[in-house]
Amino acid sequence: MEVKARHSEEYGAPERNVDREKREALVAASRNYARRAGVPWERVRLDLVSIVLSDPPKITHRKDAFRAD
């Protein structure tokens, strides 16, 4: 899971900061952790949570935000 937060959406949604390079790094770290923890890769889900620190906060949870393949 990746969590991104911003004080506002003035410069775009927080999840815009998860570019291709960041996704590749997350996939590599997730594969490594799953292997060490004995979790089959097919059972791994990569989610993205974005938080805008407004009043009230805007929280978005995207399940399976991107594919690892």
N, C-alpha and C. Protein backbone atom coordinates (compact mmCIF):
# COMPACT_ATOMS: atom_id res chain seq x y z
N MET A 1 0.85 -1.17 0.00
CA MET A 1 0.00 0.00 0.00
C MET A 1 0.89 1.23 0.00
N GLU A 2 0.51 2.20 -0.76
CA GLU A 2 1.20 3.49 -0.79
C GLU A 2 0.22 4.55 -0.30
N VAL A 3 0.69 5.44 0.55
CA VAL A 3 -0.15 6.51 1.07
C VAL A 3 0.49 7.84 0.69
N LYS A 4 -0.31 8.72 0.09
CA LYS A 4 0.15 10.06 -0.30
C LYS A 4 -0.79 11.08 0.31
N ALA A 5 -0.24 12.19 0.80
CA ALA A 5 -1.07 13.23 1.41
C ALA A 5 -0.61 14.60 0.92
N ARG A 6 -1.56 15.51 0.85
CA ARG A 6 -1.30 16.91 0.52
C ARG A 6 -2.24 17.77 1.34
N HIS A 7 -1.87 19.03 1.49
CA HIS A 7 -2.73 19.97 2.22
C HIS A 7 -3.91 20.42 1.37
N SER A 8 -3.76 20.39 0.05
CA SER A 8 -4.86 20.77 -0.84
C SER A 8 -4.65 20.07 -2.19
N GLU A 9 -5.62 20.21 -3.06
CA GLU A 9 -5.50 19.65 -4.41
C GLU A 9 -5.14 20.73 -5.42
N GLU A 10 -4.62 21.83 -4.92
CA GLU A 10 -4.26 22.95 -5.78
C GLU A 10 -3.32 22.53 -6.90
N TYR A 11 -2.40 21.64 -6.62
CA TYR A 11 -1.44 21.17 -7.62
C TYR A 11 -1.74 19.75 -8.08
N GLY A 12 -2.97 19.31 -7.91
CA GLY A 12 -3.39 17.98 -8.33
C GLY A 12 -3.57 17.04 -7.14
N ALA A 13 -4.15 15.92 -7.43
CA ALA A 13 -4.42 14.92 -6.41
C ALA A 13 -3.11 14.30 -5.92
N PRO A 14 -3.05 13.88 -4.66
CA PRO A 14 -1.82 13.30 -4.11
C PRO A 14 -1.31 12.10 -4.91
N GLU A 15 -2.21 11.28 -5.43
CA GLU A 15 -1.78 10.07 -6.15
C GLU A 15 -1.03 10.38 -7.44
N ARG A 16 -1.09 11.61 -7.90
CA ARG A 16 -0.32 11.98 -9.10
C ARG A 16 1.18 11.85 -8.87
N ASN A 17 1.60 11.82 -7.62
CA ASN A 17 3.02 11.67 -7.31
C ASN A 17 3.52 10.24 -7.44
N VAL A 18 2.63 9.30 -7.69
CA VAL A 18 3.04 7.91 -7.86
C VAL A 18 3.22 7.68 -9.36
N ASP A 19 4.42 7.97 -9.84
CA ASP A 19 4.71 7.83 -11.26
C ASP A 19 5.21 6.42 -11.56
N ARG A 20 5.61 6.18 -12.79
CA ARG A 20 6.05 4.85 -13.22
C ARG A 20 7.25 4.38 -12.39
N GLU A 21 8.20 5.26 -12.15
CA GLU A 21 9.39 4.89 -11.37
C GLU A 21 9.00 4.48 -9.94
N LYS A 22 8.10 5.22 -9.32
CA LYS A 22 7.65 4.91 -7.97
C LYS A 22 6.89 3.57 -7.96
N ARG A 23 6.02 3.36 -8.96
CA ARG A 23 5.28 2.09 -9.04
C ARG A 23 6.24 0.91 -9.18
N GLU A 24 7.26 1.06 -10.03
CA GLU A 24 8.23 -0.02 -10.20
C GLU A 24 8.96 -0.32 -8.89
N ALA A 25 9.31 0.73 -8.15
CA ALA A 25 9.98 0.52 -6.85
C ALA A 25 9.05 -0.17 -5.86
N LEU A 26 7.77 0.22 -5.85
CA LEU A 26 6.80 -0.41 -4.95
C LEU A 26 6.60 -1.88 -5.30
N VAL A 27 6.53 -2.18 -6.59
CA VAL A 27 6.37 -3.57 -7.02
C VAL A 27 7.58 -4.39 -6.59
N ALA A 28 8.78 -3.86 -6.80
CA ALA A 28 10.00 -4.59 -6.42
C ALA A 28 10.03 -4.84 -4.91
N ALA A 29 9.72 -3.82 -4.12
CA ALA A 29 9.70 -3.99 -2.66
C ALA A 29 8.61 -4.98 -2.24
N SER A 30 7.46 -4.92 -2.89
CA SER A 30 6.36 -5.83 -2.55
C SER A 30 6.72 -7.27 -2.89
N ARG A 31 7.32 -7.47 -4.06
CA ARG A 31 7.75 -8.83 -4.44
C ARG A 31 8.75 -9.39 -3.43
N ASN A 32 9.70 -8.57 -3.04
CA ASN A 32 10.72 -8.99 -2.08
C ASN A 32 10.07 -9.35 -0.74
N TYR A 33 9.18 -8.49 -0.26
CA TYR A 33 8.52 -8.76 1.02
C TYR A 33 7.66 -10.03 0.93
N ALA A 34 6.89 -10.16 -0.15
CA ALA A 34 6.02 -11.34 -0.30
C ALA A 34 6.85 -12.62 -0.32
N ARG A 35 7.96 -12.59 -1.03
CA ARG A 35 8.84 -13.77 -1.10
C ARG A 35 9.36 -14.12 0.29
N ARG A 36 9.85 -13.12 1.03
CA ARG A 36 10.41 -13.38 2.37
C ARG A 36 9.33 -13.81 3.36
N ALA A 37 8.11 -13.32 3.17
CA ALA A 37 7.01 -13.65 4.09
C ALA A 37 6.28 -14.93 3.68
N GLY A 38 6.66 -15.49 2.53
CA GLY A 38 6.01 -16.72 2.08
C GLY A 38 4.60 -16.50 1.56
N VAL A 39 4.32 -15.31 1.06
CA VAL A 39 2.99 -14.99 0.52
C VAL A 39 3.04 -15.17 -1.00
N PRO A 40 2.15 -16.00 -1.56
CA PRO A 40 2.15 -16.16 -3.02
C PRO A 40 1.86 -14.82 -3.71
N TRP A 41 2.63 -14.52 -4.76
CA TRP A 41 2.49 -13.24 -5.46
C TRP A 41 1.07 -13.01 -5.96
N GLU A 42 0.36 -14.07 -6.30
CA GLU A 42 -1.02 -13.95 -6.79
C GLU A 42 -1.96 -13.37 -5.73
N ARG A 43 -1.57 -13.46 -4.48
CA ARG A 43 -2.41 -12.97 -3.38
C ARG A 43 -2.10 -11.53 -2.98
N VAL A 44 -1.10 -10.93 -3.62
CA VAL A 44 -0.68 -9.58 -3.28
C VAL A 44 -1.54 -8.57 -4.05
N ARG A 45 -1.98 -7.55 -3.35
CA ARG A 45 -2.77 -6.47 -3.96
C ARG A 45 -2.06 -5.15 -3.64
N LEU A 46 -1.89 -4.31 -4.64
CA LEU A 46 -1.22 -3.03 -4.46
C LEU A 46 -2.26 -1.91 -4.45
N ASP A 47 -2.50 -1.37 -3.26
CA ASP A 47 -3.50 -0.31 -3.08
C ASP A 47 -2.82 1.05 -2.98
N LEU A 48 -3.61 2.08 -3.19
CA LEU A 48 -3.14 3.45 -3.07
C LEU A 48 -4.16 4.24 -2.26
N VAL A 49 -3.68 4.89 -1.21
CA VAL A 49 -4.54 5.75 -0.39
C VAL A 49 -4.07 7.18 -0.58
N SER A 50 -5.00 8.06 -0.94
CA SER A 50 -4.65 9.47 -1.07
C SER A 50 -5.46 10.26 -0.06
N ILE A 51 -4.77 11.21 0.58
CA ILE A 51 -5.39 12.00 1.64
C ILE A 51 -5.16 13.48 1.34
N VAL A 52 -6.25 14.23 1.29
CA VAL A 52 -6.17 15.68 1.19
C VAL A 52 -6.54 16.21 2.57
N LEU A 53 -5.61 16.94 3.17
CA LEU A 53 -5.78 17.39 4.56
C LEU A 53 -6.65 18.63 4.63
N SER A 54 -7.85 18.52 4.12
CA SER A 54 -8.82 19.61 4.18
C SER A 54 -9.67 19.43 5.43
N ASP A 55 -10.70 20.23 5.57
CA ASP A 55 -11.60 20.11 6.72
C ASP A 55 -13.02 19.90 6.22
N PRO A 56 -13.54 18.71 6.23
CA PRO A 56 -12.95 17.46 6.71
C PRO A 56 -11.96 16.89 5.68
N PRO A 57 -11.08 16.00 6.13
CA PRO A 57 -10.12 15.40 5.20
C PRO A 57 -10.83 14.58 4.13
N LYS A 58 -10.26 14.58 2.94
CA LYS A 58 -10.78 13.77 1.83
C LYS A 58 -9.85 12.57 1.68
N ILE A 59 -10.38 11.38 1.93
CA ILE A 59 -9.58 10.16 1.88
C ILE A 59 -10.13 9.27 0.77
N THR A 60 -9.23 8.85 -0.12
CA THR A 60 -9.60 7.97 -1.22
C THR A 60 -8.75 6.71 -1.15
N HIS A 61 -9.39 5.55 -1.17
CA HIS A 61 -8.69 4.26 -1.13
C HIS A 61 -8.96 3.55 -2.45
N ARG A 62 -7.92 3.39 -3.25
CA ARG A 62 -8.05 2.68 -4.53
C ARG A 62 -7.46 1.29 -4.39
N LYS A 63 -8.33 0.29 -4.36
CA LYS A 63 -7.88 -1.10 -4.31
C LYS A 63 -7.33 -1.49 -5.68
N ASP A 64 -6.29 -2.32 -5.69
CA ASP A 64 -5.66 -2.72 -6.95
C ASP A 64 -5.36 -1.50 -7.81
N ALA A 65 -4.73 -0.50 -7.22
CA ALA A 65 -4.47 0.77 -7.92
C ALA A 65 -3.64 0.58 -9.18
N PHE A 66 -2.74 -0.38 -9.17
CA PHE A 66 -1.97 -0.68 -10.37
C PHE A 66 -1.54 -2.13 -10.34
N ARG A 67 -1.34 -2.66 -11.49
CA ARG A 67 -0.96 -4.06 -11.63
C ARG A 67 0.54 -4.20 -11.55
N ALA A 68 0.98 -5.30 -11.01
CA ALA A 68 2.41 -5.55 -10.86
C ALA A 68 3.01 -6.22 -12.09
N ASP A 69 2.19 -6.63 -12.99
CA ASP A 69 2.71 -7.37 -14.17
C ASP A 69 3.04 -6.44 -15.31
